[in-house]
């Protein structure tokens, strides 16, 4: 009988510790979304940022050269933010945040560089 109570106590202790362990590895609240492997998360983050950056360069250059207003959010690539995403990349929202971050940087650089060039 005593062993049964010890087993129940041990099980309850493990269940109580599970959420703390999940937070340690980034599940549901860490900066890397649902990635237990931070190296892989950084790789996905880098790929998403780079893809967004390249798209942002293209769209920023085009907008500046066509005398459009500065507006990265007008573009479907920015709104969708999943170009290059694959199902095995994990958390889609993590990918989208990093894609948009890259898109913003690339768009601003290209727009600023080309708007100055075109208006000389």
Protein backbone atom coordinates (compact mmCIF):
# COMPACT_ATOMS: atom_id res chain seq x y z
CA UNK A 1 0.00 0.00 0.00
CA UNK A 2 2.83 2.34 0.89
CA UNK A 3 4.50 1.74 -2.52
CA UNK A 4 1.26 2.74 -4.25
CA UNK A 5 1.25 6.12 -2.48
CA UNK A 6 4.91 6.67 -3.30
CA UNK A 7 4.24 5.88 -6.97
CA UNK A 8 1.32 8.30 -7.07
CA UNK A 9 3.40 11.00 -5.36
CA UNK A 10 6.26 10.47 -7.81
CA UNK A 11 3.88 10.66 -10.79
CA UNK A 12 2.31 13.87 -9.52
CA UNK A 13 5.77 15.40 -9.03
CA UNK A 14 6.72 14.53 -12.61
CA UNK A 15 3.49 15.98 -13.98
CA UNK A 16 4.01 19.19 -12.02
CA UNK A 17 7.56 19.54 -13.38
CA UNK A 18 6.61 18.96 -17.05
CA UNK A 19 5.50 22.54 -17.82
CA UNK A 20 8.75 23.93 -16.38
CA UNK A 21 10.77 21.57 -18.57
CA UNK A 22 8.75 22.57 -21.62
CA UNK A 23 9.54 26.25 -21.00
CA UNK A 24 13.24 25.48 -20.64
CA UNK A 25 13.35 24.07 -24.16
CA UNK A 26 11.34 26.87 -25.73
CA UNK A 27 8.02 25.14 -26.18
CA UNK A 28 5.21 27.65 -26.28
CA UNK A 29 6.99 30.66 -24.87
CA UNK A 30 10.65 30.83 -25.77
CA UNK A 31 12.12 33.10 -28.41
CA UNK A 32 12.54 30.16 -30.75
CA UNK A 33 8.92 29.05 -30.85
CA UNK A 34 8.46 25.30 -30.68
CA UNK A 35 12.04 24.35 -31.45
CA UNK A 36 13.81 22.13 -28.91
CA UNK A 37 16.98 22.36 -31.07
CA UNK A 38 18.13 25.99 -31.03
CA UNK A 39 20.67 25.34 -33.80
CA UNK A 40 17.90 24.28 -36.15
CA UNK A 41 15.75 27.22 -35.00
CA UNK A 42 18.56 29.62 -35.86
CA UNK A 43 18.88 28.02 -39.29
CA UNK A 44 15.15 28.45 -39.96
CA UNK A 45 15.34 32.01 -38.61
CA UNK A 46 18.27 32.81 -40.91
CA UNK A 47 16.63 31.28 -43.98
CA UNK A 48 13.36 33.12 -43.37
CA UNK A 49 15.14 36.44 -42.78
CA UNK A 50 17.29 36.00 -45.90
CA UNK A 51 14.34 35.09 -48.09
CA UNK A 52 12.35 38.07 -46.80
CA UNK A 53 15.36 40.36 -47.18
CA UNK A 54 15.84 39.44 -50.85
CA UNK A 55 12.13 39.88 -51.59
CA UNK A 56 12.17 43.21 -49.73
CA UNK A 57 15.11 44.42 -51.81
CA UNK A 58 13.24 43.64 -55.03
CA UNK A 59 9.99 45.26 -53.95
CA UNK A 60 11.64 48.33 -52.36
CA UNK A 61 13.71 48.93 -55.49
CA UNK A 62 10.65 48.58 -57.69
CA UNK A 63 8.50 50.91 -55.57
CA UNK A 64 11.19 53.61 -55.46
CA UNK A 65 11.85 53.43 -59.20
CA UNK A 66 8.14 53.67 -59.97
CA UNK A 67 7.67 56.63 -57.59
CA UNK A 68 5.35 54.71 -55.27
CA UNK A 69 5.00 55.57 -51.61
CA UNK A 70 7.04 53.68 -49.03
CA UNK A 71 4.79 50.80 -48.01
CA UNK A 72 6.23 47.31 -47.46
CA UNK A 73 2.87 46.02 -46.19
CA UNK A 74 1.22 46.63 -49.57
CA UNK A 75 2.97 43.57 -50.99
CA UNK A 76 1.47 40.10 -50.85
CA UNK A 77 4.91 38.64 -50.15
CA UNK A 78 5.01 40.62 -46.91
CA UNK A 79 1.43 39.80 -45.95
CA UNK A 80 1.76 36.07 -46.66
CA UNK A 81 5.37 35.85 -45.40
CA UNK A 82 5.64 32.16 -46.14
CA UNK A 83 7.62 32.06 -49.36
CA UNK A 84 10.25 29.37 -48.85
CA UNK A 85 8.48 27.84 -45.84
CA UNK A 86 8.34 24.05 -45.70
CA UNK A 87 6.20 21.98 -43.38
CA UNK A 88 9.27 20.43 -41.78
CA UNK A 89 10.48 23.94 -40.80
CA UNK A 90 8.18 23.80 -37.79
CA UNK A 91 6.28 26.77 -36.44
CA UNK A 92 4.90 28.78 -39.38
CA UNK A 93 4.41 31.95 -37.31
CA UNK A 94 8.06 31.87 -36.23
CA UNK A 95 9.03 31.70 -39.91
CA UNK A 96 6.65 34.54 -40.81
CA UNK A 97 7.97 36.87 -38.10
CA UNK A 98 11.53 36.43 -39.32
CA UNK A 99 10.57 36.69 -42.99
CA UNK A 100 8.78 39.99 -42.33
CA UNK A 101 11.71 41.28 -40.31
CA UNK A 102 14.03 40.57 -43.25
CA UNK A 103 11.55 42.01 -45.74
CA UNK A 104 11.36 45.27 -43.75
CA UNK A 105 15.16 45.64 -43.65
CA UNK A 106 15.63 44.84 -47.34
CA UNK A 107 12.73 47.00 -48.46
CA UNK A 108 13.95 50.03 -46.48
CA UNK A 109 17.53 49.69 -47.75
CA UNK A 110 16.53 49.35 -51.40
CA UNK A 111 13.85 52.04 -51.24
CA UNK A 112 16.17 54.56 -49.60
CA UNK A 113 19.06 53.79 -51.94
CA UNK A 114 16.94 53.97 -55.09
CA UNK A 115 14.80 56.95 -54.14
CA UNK A 116 17.97 59.04 -53.75
CA UNK A 117 19.35 57.73 -57.02
CA UNK A 118 16.19 58.41 -59.00
CA UNK A 119 15.61 61.95 -57.70
CA UNK A 120 19.02 63.40 -58.49
